Amino acid sequence: MSARSLERPNDTDATDPAATDSGGHVEKASAVDDLVDRIRGLISEGGLKVGDSLPTEKELCERFHTSRNTVREAMRILKTYGVVKVRPKIGAVIIDERMARAFDLFSFNTLQVSRETFVDIQGFRSLLEVASFELLFDTVTPEDLAELHQINKELLNVKTAIEASEIDFRFHTRLVAVMGNKSILDVYKIMKPVIMKIMLKAKTVQTFSTVTYSEHAAILETLEKRDRTAYQYKMKTHLDAGFRHFSD
């Protein structure tokens, strides 16, 4: 069999030539990974956007000289990434659910929250909400502050701790959004499952509506007074407050 014939797509072939090493051992994963990268390149370099259709399975086989099995496996991985969705009679359509997939992955891997997790997560939050105070002070507007006050007031009427933690997280998310960096905001949102677990372990309905509400109000007051030093102190104290509730 010629090298050229090996390059042709084969509906019944389970591997590609590129997926076999010199000893004849199958290394299908490398061929699939390579195809995933090439399809992602096709999407970006071809200027394709959400809602556009990818080439058909047969067209992808011919374009990349690979088997249908490899194309199907690559598409399965892209579906897992939240990049494409395969629809009956339409084929693969480009979507953008990457953040949702990352959110699910993060949630699955944070079933338990230890003291180490608390320190890591709150330390990361400090980088965003404390160390970035200059950017925050430069960009915050009266409209931002009014909305933050309104969100904080919702804590006064909560009925459950879960409801309160959602409001608490929304307050901090809105504060991070003031900085105007979508990538930072997306990363912060990915952390929601573990941040919520931290909040629920360290607080009760009563502390949400009293202590948390008061601490939020004090933080907003430092922003209104343009007091950078007070802001850093109050936000850092607020984020570190639950440490004693976590064991090793």
Protein backbone atom coordinates (compact mmCIF):
# COMPACT_ATOMS: atom_id res chain seq x y z
CA MET A 1 0.00 0.00 0.00
CA SER A 2 1.35 3.40 -0.96
CA ALA A 3 1.86 6.32 1.38
CA ARG A 4 -0.72 8.25 -0.62
CA SER A 5 -3.39 5.59 -0.10
CA LEU A 6 -2.75 5.67 3.63
CA GLU A 7 -3.64 9.35 3.69
CA ARG A 8 -7.10 8.81 2.32
CA PRO A 9 -10.00 8.81 4.78
CA ASN A 10 -11.31 5.38 5.64
CA ASP A 11 -14.71 5.04 7.26
CA THR A 12 -13.75 1.80 8.98
CA ASP A 13 -10.23 2.78 10.01
CA ALA A 14 -9.88 3.41 13.74
CA THR A 15 -6.54 5.21 13.55
CA ASP A 16 -4.53 7.59 11.40
CA PRO A 17 -1.01 7.08 10.03
CA ALA A 18 0.12 9.91 12.27
CA ALA A 19 -1.25 8.01 15.22
CA THR A 20 1.11 5.03 14.81
CA ASP A 21 4.73 5.10 15.97
CA SER A 22 7.71 3.45 14.27
CA GLY A 23 7.13 0.23 16.19
CA GLY A 24 3.57 -0.06 14.96
CA HIS A 25 2.00 0.85 18.31
CA VAL A 26 -1.23 2.80 18.13
CA GLU A 27 -1.10 6.33 19.52
CA LYS A 28 -4.53 7.51 18.53
CA ALA A 29 -4.71 10.20 21.23
CA SER A 30 -1.92 12.21 19.57
CA ALA A 31 -3.76 12.22 16.23
CA VAL A 32 -7.00 13.30 17.90
CA ASP A 33 -5.27 16.05 19.88
CA ASP A 34 -3.60 17.28 16.69
CA LEU A 35 -6.94 17.37 14.89
CA VAL A 36 -8.58 19.25 17.77
CA ASP A 37 -5.87 21.92 17.46
CA ARG A 38 -6.30 22.09 13.70
CA ILE A 39 -10.08 22.47 13.93
CA ARG A 40 -9.66 25.21 16.53
CA GLY A 41 -7.23 26.88 14.14
CA LEU A 42 -9.80 26.55 11.37
CA ILE A 43 -12.35 28.34 13.56
CA SER A 44 -10.07 31.23 14.54
CA GLU A 45 -8.21 31.70 11.26
CA GLY A 46 -11.36 31.27 9.19
CA GLY A 47 -13.12 34.04 11.08
CA LEU A 48 -15.93 31.71 12.12
CA LYS A 49 -18.17 32.93 14.91
CA VAL A 50 -20.86 31.61 17.25
CA GLY A 51 -23.73 30.20 15.21
CA ASP A 52 -21.63 29.35 12.16
CA SER A 53 -21.42 25.75 10.97
CA LEU A 54 -18.23 23.77 10.69
CA PRO A 55 -17.49 21.70 7.57
CA THR A 56 -19.22 18.33 7.50
CA GLU A 57 -17.60 15.22 8.89
CA LYS A 58 -16.72 14.09 5.36
CA GLU A 59 -15.26 17.50 4.49
CA LEU A 60 -13.11 17.49 7.63
CA CYS A 61 -11.82 14.01 6.74
CA GLU A 62 -10.84 15.20 3.27
CA ARG A 63 -9.40 18.52 4.41
CA PHE A 64 -7.19 17.01 7.12
CA HIS A 65 -6.59 13.59 5.54
CA THR A 66 -7.86 11.70 8.54
CA SER A 67 -10.39 9.02 9.42
CA ARG A 68 -13.98 9.52 10.46
CA ASN A 69 -13.29 7.92 13.81
CA THR A 70 -10.64 10.51 14.55
CA VAL A 71 -12.93 13.34 13.41
CA ARG A 72 -15.73 12.04 15.64
CA GLU A 73 -13.43 11.79 18.65
CA ALA A 74 -12.09 15.30 18.03
CA MET A 75 -15.65 16.63 17.81
CA ARG A 76 -16.51 14.87 21.08
CA ILE A 77 -13.62 16.68 22.78
CA LEU A 78 -14.65 20.03 21.29
CA LYS A 79 -18.19 19.43 22.59
CA THR A 80 -16.74 18.79 26.04
CA TYR A 81 -14.79 22.05 25.80
CA GLY A 82 -18.05 23.86 25.01
CA VAL A 83 -16.79 24.97 21.58
CA VAL A 84 -19.21 23.13 19.28
CA LYS A 85 -22.64 21.56 19.42
CA VAL A 86 -23.72 18.83 17.02
CA ARG A 87 -27.31 19.25 15.87
CA PRO A 88 -29.34 16.70 13.90
CA LYS A 89 -29.48 17.40 10.15
CA ILE A 90 -27.35 20.53 10.68
CA GLY A 91 -24.02 19.19 11.86
CA ALA A 92 -21.50 20.88 14.10
CA VAL A 93 -22.33 24.47 15.02
CA ILE A 94 -19.94 26.77 16.86
CA ILE A 95 -21.04 27.78 20.36
CA ASP A 96 -19.25 29.42 23.28
CA GLU A 97 -19.94 27.60 26.51
CA ARG A 98 -16.30 27.41 27.60
CA MET A 99 -16.88 29.31 30.82
CA ALA A 100 -19.80 27.06 31.74
CA ARG A 101 -17.63 23.97 31.17
CA ALA A 102 -14.85 25.44 33.30
CA PHE A 103 -17.44 26.32 35.96
CA ASP A 104 -18.70 22.74 36.03
CA LEU A 105 -15.16 21.38 36.27
CA PHE A 106 -14.27 23.72 39.12
CA SER A 107 -17.47 22.84 40.97
CA PHE A 108 -16.83 19.12 40.63
CA ASN A 109 -13.33 19.44 42.09
CA THR A 110 -14.26 21.55 45.11
CA LEU A 111 -16.63 19.27 46.99
CA GLN A 112 -14.69 19.84 50.23
CA VAL A 113 -13.23 23.14 51.41
CA SER A 114 -10.23 22.95 53.74
CA ARG A 115 -8.27 25.68 55.50
CA GLU A 116 -5.70 25.47 52.71
CA THR A 117 -8.43 26.02 50.13
CA PHE A 118 -9.73 28.98 52.14
CA VAL A 119 -6.28 30.58 52.24
CA ASP A 120 -5.70 30.00 48.50
CA ILE A 121 -9.11 31.27 47.37
CA GLN A 122 -9.26 34.26 49.70
CA GLY A 123 -5.66 35.09 48.81
CA PHE A 124 -6.62 35.17 45.14
CA ARG A 125 -9.64 37.32 45.94
CA SER A 126 -7.35 39.69 47.84
CA LEU A 127 -5.25 40.13 44.71
CA LEU A 128 -8.37 41.23 42.86
CA GLU A 129 -10.29 43.11 45.53
CA VAL A 130 -7.50 44.50 47.70
CA ALA A 131 -4.25 44.76 45.73
CA SER A 132 -6.06 46.22 42.69
CA PHE A 133 -7.46 49.10 44.74
CA GLU A 134 -5.87 51.78 42.54
CA LEU A 135 -7.68 50.53 39.45
CA LEU A 136 -10.89 50.23 41.44
CA PHE A 137 -10.65 53.79 42.76
CA ASP A 138 -9.82 55.12 39.29
CA THR A 139 -12.83 53.49 37.63
CA VAL A 140 -15.66 53.37 40.19
CA THR A 141 -18.57 55.72 39.46
CA PRO A 142 -21.49 57.02 41.54
CA GLU A 143 -23.74 54.69 39.54
CA ASP A 144 -21.55 51.72 40.50
CA LEU A 145 -21.73 52.68 44.17
CA ALA A 146 -25.49 53.12 44.04
CA GLU A 147 -25.93 49.65 42.56
CA LEU A 148 -23.56 48.13 45.13
CA HIS A 149 -25.54 49.75 47.96
CA GLN A 150 -28.75 48.36 46.48
CA ILE A 151 -27.34 44.84 46.28
CA ASN A 152 -26.06 45.07 49.85
CA LYS A 153 -29.48 46.16 51.14
CA GLU A 154 -30.95 42.90 49.86
CA LEU A 155 -29.05 41.14 52.67
CA LEU A 156 -31.36 42.76 55.21
CA ASN A 157 -34.35 40.71 54.06
CA VAL A 158 -32.88 37.30 53.31
CA LYS A 159 -34.68 34.15 54.45
CA THR A 160 -32.02 31.51 53.85
CA ALA A 161 -28.24 31.31 53.98
CA ILE A 162 -28.09 30.15 50.34
CA GLU A 163 -30.07 33.20 49.22
CA ALA A 164 -27.76 35.42 51.29
CA SER A 165 -24.62 33.84 49.85
CA GLU A 166 -25.90 34.48 46.31
CA ILE A 167 -26.37 38.16 47.18
CA ASP A 168 -22.99 38.32 48.90
CA PHE A 169 -21.29 36.82 45.83
CA ARG A 170 -23.20 39.21 43.54
CA PHE A 171 -21.93 42.16 45.60
CA HIS A 172 -18.32 41.10 45.17
CA THR A 173 -18.80 40.20 41.51
CA ARG A 174 -20.24 43.65 40.86
CA LEU A 175 -17.24 45.20 42.63
CA VAL A 176 -14.81 43.22 40.46
CA ALA A 177 -16.81 44.23 37.37
CA VAL A 178 -16.07 47.88 38.15
CA MET A 179 -12.47 47.28 37.05
CA GLY A 180 -13.68 46.64 33.51
CA ASN A 181 -11.62 43.53 32.78
CA LYS A 182 -13.86 40.80 31.36
CA SER A 183 -11.22 38.07 31.66
CA ILE A 184 -10.72 38.76 35.36
CA LEU A 185 -14.47 38.80 35.88
CA ASP A 186 -14.85 35.47 34.06
CA VAL A 187 -12.18 33.85 36.23
CA TYR A 188 -13.88 35.22 39.35
CA LYS A 189 -17.20 33.73 38.26
CA ILE A 190 -15.58 30.33 37.71
CA MET A 191 -14.66 30.36 41.39
CA LYS A 192 -18.28 30.82 42.47
CA PRO A 193 -18.86 27.23 43.71
CA VAL A 194 -15.97 27.27 46.18
CA ILE A 195 -16.53 30.91 47.21
CA MET A 196 -20.14 30.02 47.99
CA LYS A 197 -19.01 27.04 50.06
CA ILE A 198 -16.67 29.33 52.02
CA MET A 199 -19.48 31.81 52.64
CA LEU A 200 -21.96 29.16 53.74
CA LYS A 201 -19.50 27.51 56.11
CA ALA A 202 -18.43 30.76 57.76
CA LYS A 203 -21.77 32.57 57.96
CA THR A 204 -25.40 32.17 59.03
CA VAL A 205 -28.52 34.01 57.91
CA GLN A 206 -28.10 36.32 60.91
CA THR A 207 -24.43 37.13 60.24
CA PHE A 208 -25.17 37.79 56.57
CA SER A 209 -27.83 40.36 57.50
CA THR A 210 -25.79 41.98 60.27
CA VAL A 211 -22.02 41.52 60.11
CA THR A 212 -21.68 41.03 56.34
CA TYR A 213 -24.09 43.85 55.59
CA SER A 214 -22.19 46.23 57.91
CA GLU A 215 -18.80 45.25 56.51
CA HIS A 216 -19.99 45.79 52.95
CA ALA A 217 -21.42 49.19 53.92
CA ALA A 218 -18.11 50.19 55.54
CA ILE A 219 -16.20 49.15 52.40
CA LEU A 220 -18.49 51.25 50.23
CA GLU A 221 -18.02 54.20 52.56
CA THR A 222 -14.24 54.06 52.03
CA LEU A 223 -14.83 54.14 48.28
CA GLU A 224 -17.13 57.14 48.60
CA LYS A 225 -14.60 58.97 50.78
CA ARG A 226 -11.75 57.98 48.43
CA ASP A 227 -9.88 56.57 51.42
CA ARG A 228 -7.52 54.02 49.86
CA THR A 229 -5.83 52.92 53.09
CA ALA A 230 -9.12 52.32 54.89
CA TYR A 231 -10.48 50.41 51.89
CA GLN A 232 -7.51 48.00 51.84
CA TYR A 233 -7.79 47.34 55.57
CA LYS A 234 -11.55 46.82 55.62
CA MET A 235 -11.66 44.60 52.54
CA LYS A 236 -8.74 42.46 53.73
CA THR A 237 -10.34 42.07 57.17
CA HIS A 238 -13.66 41.17 55.54
CA LEU A 239 -12.12 38.47 53.33
CA ASP A 240 -10.06 36.95 56.15
CA ALA A 241 -12.85 36.91 58.74
CA GLY A 242 -13.96 33.30 58.18
CA PHE A 243 -10.54 31.70 58.65
CA ARG A 244 -11.34 30.31 62.11
CA HIS A 245 -14.21 28.25 60.72
CA PHE A 246 -11.89 26.05 58.64
CA SER A 247 -9.82 23.18 59.98
CA ASP A 248 -6.70 21.65 58.45
